[in-house]
């Protein structure tokens, strides 16, 4: 199974993160804290992620990486 990671330097930290919205398992979640959800970036809950790669295909900034 593929692993998914999010490059915090590339992530635009959008509160309407398309990768998060399309994840069928809800594995992409905002890092806690910050002014709004996602302002500190996003992370992947590995136990929920199935490695489908949908998130990587829709991330406009290319911040989601498959490994």
N, C-alpha and C. Protein backbone atom coordinates (compact mmCIF):
# COMPACT_ATOMS: atom_id res chain seq x y z
N UNK A 1 0.84 -1.18 0.00
CA UNK A 1 0.00 0.00 0.00
C UNK A 1 0.89 1.24 0.00
N UNK A 2 0.45 2.25 -0.73
CA UNK A 2 1.16 3.52 -0.79
C UNK A 2 0.96 4.31 0.49
N UNK A 3 1.97 5.07 0.85
CA UNK A 3 1.82 5.98 1.97
C UNK A 3 1.66 7.39 1.43
N UNK A 4 0.96 8.22 2.15
CA UNK A 4 0.68 9.58 1.73
C UNK A 4 1.28 10.53 2.76
N UNK A 5 1.93 11.58 2.27
CA UNK A 5 2.43 12.62 3.16
C UNK A 5 2.11 13.97 2.56
N UNK A 6 2.10 14.99 3.39
CA UNK A 6 1.79 16.35 2.94
C UNK A 6 3.00 17.22 3.23
N UNK A 7 3.51 17.85 2.18
CA UNK A 7 4.66 18.75 2.30
C UNK A 7 4.18 20.09 2.84
N UNK A 8 4.53 20.38 4.08
CA UNK A 8 4.03 21.59 4.72
C UNK A 8 4.57 22.86 4.06
N UNK A 9 5.71 22.79 3.39
CA UNK A 9 6.26 23.96 2.71
C UNK A 9 5.49 24.28 1.44
N UNK A 10 4.86 23.29 0.83
CA UNK A 10 4.13 23.47 -0.42
C UNK A 10 2.64 23.68 -0.18
N UNK A 11 2.12 23.17 0.91
CA UNK A 11 0.69 23.27 1.23
C UNK A 11 0.28 24.72 1.37
N UNK A 12 -0.84 25.09 0.73
CA UNK A 12 -1.32 26.48 0.83
C UNK A 12 -2.19 26.72 2.07
N UNK A 13 -2.44 25.68 2.84
CA UNK A 13 -3.18 25.76 4.11
C UNK A 13 -4.60 26.29 3.95
N UNK A 14 -5.20 25.99 2.85
CA UNK A 14 -6.56 26.45 2.57
C UNK A 14 -7.57 25.78 3.50
N UNK A 15 -8.51 26.55 4.06
CA UNK A 15 -9.53 25.93 4.89
C UNK A 15 -10.48 25.07 4.04
N UNK A 16 -10.47 25.26 2.73
CA UNK A 16 -11.30 24.46 1.82
C UNK A 16 -10.45 23.44 1.06
N UNK A 17 -9.46 22.90 1.71
CA UNK A 17 -8.51 21.96 1.10
C UNK A 17 -9.22 20.90 0.24
N UNK A 18 -8.97 20.90 -1.08
CA UNK A 18 -9.63 19.92 -1.94
C UNK A 18 -9.21 18.49 -1.64
N UNK A 19 -7.94 18.30 -1.26
CA UNK A 19 -7.48 16.95 -0.95
C UNK A 19 -8.23 16.39 0.25
N UNK A 20 -8.43 17.21 1.25
CA UNK A 20 -9.16 16.79 2.44
C UNK A 20 -10.61 16.46 2.08
N UNK A 21 -11.22 17.30 1.25
CA UNK A 21 -12.63 17.11 0.89
C UNK A 21 -12.87 15.82 0.11
N UNK A 22 -11.91 15.38 -0.71
CA UNK A 22 -12.16 14.19 -1.53
C UNK A 22 -11.71 12.89 -0.87
N UNK A 23 -11.01 12.96 0.23
CA UNK A 23 -10.53 11.74 0.88
C UNK A 23 -11.71 10.87 1.31
N UNK A 24 -11.82 9.66 0.75
CA UNK A 24 -12.97 8.82 1.08
C UNK A 24 -12.97 8.29 2.52
N UNK A 25 -11.85 8.36 3.18
CA UNK A 25 -11.75 7.84 4.54
C UNK A 25 -11.59 8.92 5.60
N UNK A 26 -11.53 10.18 5.19
CA UNK A 26 -11.36 11.27 6.16
C UNK A 26 -10.00 11.25 6.82
N UNK A 27 -8.99 10.79 6.10
CA UNK A 27 -7.66 10.62 6.67
C UNK A 27 -6.84 11.90 6.72
N UNK A 28 -7.25 12.92 5.97
CA UNK A 28 -6.53 14.19 5.98
C UNK A 28 -7.23 15.14 6.95
N UNK A 29 -6.48 15.57 7.95
CA UNK A 29 -7.05 16.42 8.99
C UNK A 29 -6.14 17.62 9.23
N UNK A 30 -6.73 18.73 9.70
CA UNK A 30 -5.90 19.90 10.00
C UNK A 30 -5.02 19.65 11.23
N UNK A 31 -3.83 20.22 11.18
CA UNK A 31 -2.96 20.21 12.35
C UNK A 31 -3.62 21.13 13.38
N UNK A 32 -3.65 20.72 14.62
CA UNK A 32 -4.38 21.47 15.65
C UNK A 32 -3.79 22.86 15.88
N UNK A 33 -4.65 23.73 16.37
CA UNK A 33 -4.25 25.10 16.65
C UNK A 33 -4.47 25.99 15.44
N UNK A 34 -4.10 27.23 15.57
CA UNK A 34 -4.23 28.16 14.47
C UNK A 34 -5.53 28.94 14.50
N UNK A 35 -5.61 29.92 13.63
CA UNK A 35 -6.74 30.82 13.56
C UNK A 35 -7.96 30.16 12.93
N UNK A 36 -7.73 29.31 11.95
CA UNK A 36 -8.82 28.60 11.27
C UNK A 36 -8.34 27.18 10.97
N UNK A 37 -9.25 26.24 10.74
CA UNK A 37 -8.84 24.86 10.43
C UNK A 37 -7.94 24.84 9.20
N UNK A 38 -6.76 24.31 9.36
CA UNK A 38 -5.81 24.22 8.27
C UNK A 38 -4.75 25.30 8.28
N UNK A 39 -4.89 26.30 9.13
CA UNK A 39 -3.90 27.39 9.13
C UNK A 39 -2.51 26.90 9.54
N UNK A 40 -2.45 25.80 10.25
CA UNK A 40 -1.16 25.20 10.60
C UNK A 40 -0.82 24.04 9.68
N UNK A 41 -1.57 23.88 8.60
CA UNK A 41 -1.32 22.80 7.66
C UNK A 41 -2.20 21.59 7.93
N UNK A 42 -1.92 20.55 7.21
CA UNK A 42 -2.69 19.31 7.31
C UNK A 42 -1.76 18.13 7.51
N UNK A 43 -2.30 17.08 8.05
CA UNK A 43 -1.56 15.84 8.23
C UNK A 43 -2.44 14.67 7.83
N UNK A 44 -1.82 13.51 7.69
CA UNK A 44 -2.54 12.30 7.28
C UNK A 44 -2.55 11.31 8.45
N UNK A 45 -3.74 10.83 8.79
CA UNK A 45 -3.86 9.78 9.80
C UNK A 45 -3.62 8.45 9.08
N UNK A 46 -2.44 7.91 9.27
CA UNK A 46 -2.01 6.72 8.52
C UNK A 46 -2.93 5.52 8.72
N UNK A 47 -3.50 5.38 9.90
CA UNK A 47 -4.38 4.24 10.16
C UNK A 47 -5.67 4.30 9.35
N UNK A 48 -6.06 5.50 8.92
CA UNK A 48 -7.28 5.65 8.11
C UNK A 48 -6.99 5.63 6.61
N UNK A 49 -5.80 6.08 6.23
CA UNK A 49 -5.45 6.21 4.81
C UNK A 49 -5.34 4.83 4.15
N UNK A 50 -5.97 4.71 2.98
CA UNK A 50 -5.91 3.45 2.22
C UNK A 50 -4.98 3.56 1.02
N UNK A 51 -4.33 4.72 0.84
CA UNK A 51 -3.36 4.90 -0.23
C UNK A 51 -3.95 4.98 -1.62
N UNK A 52 -5.19 5.43 -1.75
CA UNK A 52 -5.86 5.46 -3.05
C UNK A 52 -5.29 6.52 -3.99
N UNK A 53 -4.72 7.60 -3.44
CA UNK A 53 -4.10 8.63 -4.24
C UNK A 53 -5.02 9.70 -4.79
N UNK A 54 -6.29 9.64 -4.47
CA UNK A 54 -7.23 10.65 -4.96
C UNK A 54 -6.79 12.03 -4.49
N UNK A 55 -6.35 12.13 -3.28
CA UNK A 55 -5.93 13.42 -2.71
C UNK A 55 -4.78 14.04 -3.51
N UNK A 56 -3.82 13.24 -3.91
CA UNK A 56 -2.68 13.74 -4.67
C UNK A 56 -3.10 14.27 -6.04
N UNK A 57 -4.09 13.65 -6.64
CA UNK A 57 -4.55 14.08 -7.95
C UNK A 57 -5.27 15.43 -7.91
N UNK A 58 -5.91 15.75 -6.79
CA UNK A 58 -6.68 17.01 -6.74
C UNK A 58 -5.96 18.15 -6.03
N UNK A 59 -4.85 17.90 -5.38
CA UNK A 59 -4.14 18.96 -4.66
C UNK A 59 -3.56 19.95 -5.68
N UNK A 60 -4.07 21.20 -5.68
CA UNK A 60 -3.63 22.16 -6.68
C UNK A 60 -2.16 22.58 -6.57
N UNK A 61 -1.61 22.49 -5.38
CA UNK A 61 -0.23 22.89 -5.18
C UNK A 61 0.76 21.76 -5.24
N UNK A 62 0.28 20.53 -5.38
CA UNK A 62 1.17 19.38 -5.42
C UNK A 62 1.81 19.06 -4.08
N UNK A 63 1.15 19.45 -2.99
CA UNK A 63 1.70 19.23 -1.65
C UNK A 63 1.52 17.79 -1.15
N UNK A 64 0.59 17.05 -1.76
CA UNK A 64 0.34 15.67 -1.32
C UNK A 64 1.23 14.74 -2.12
N UNK A 65 2.02 13.95 -1.40
CA UNK A 65 2.98 13.04 -2.03
C UNK A 65 2.65 11.59 -1.72
N UNK A 66 2.77 10.75 -2.73
CA UNK A 66 2.59 9.31 -2.56
C UNK A 66 3.96 8.66 -2.49
N UNK A 67 4.09 7.73 -1.56
CA UNK A 67 5.40 7.09 -1.43
C UNK A 67 5.31 5.61 -1.34
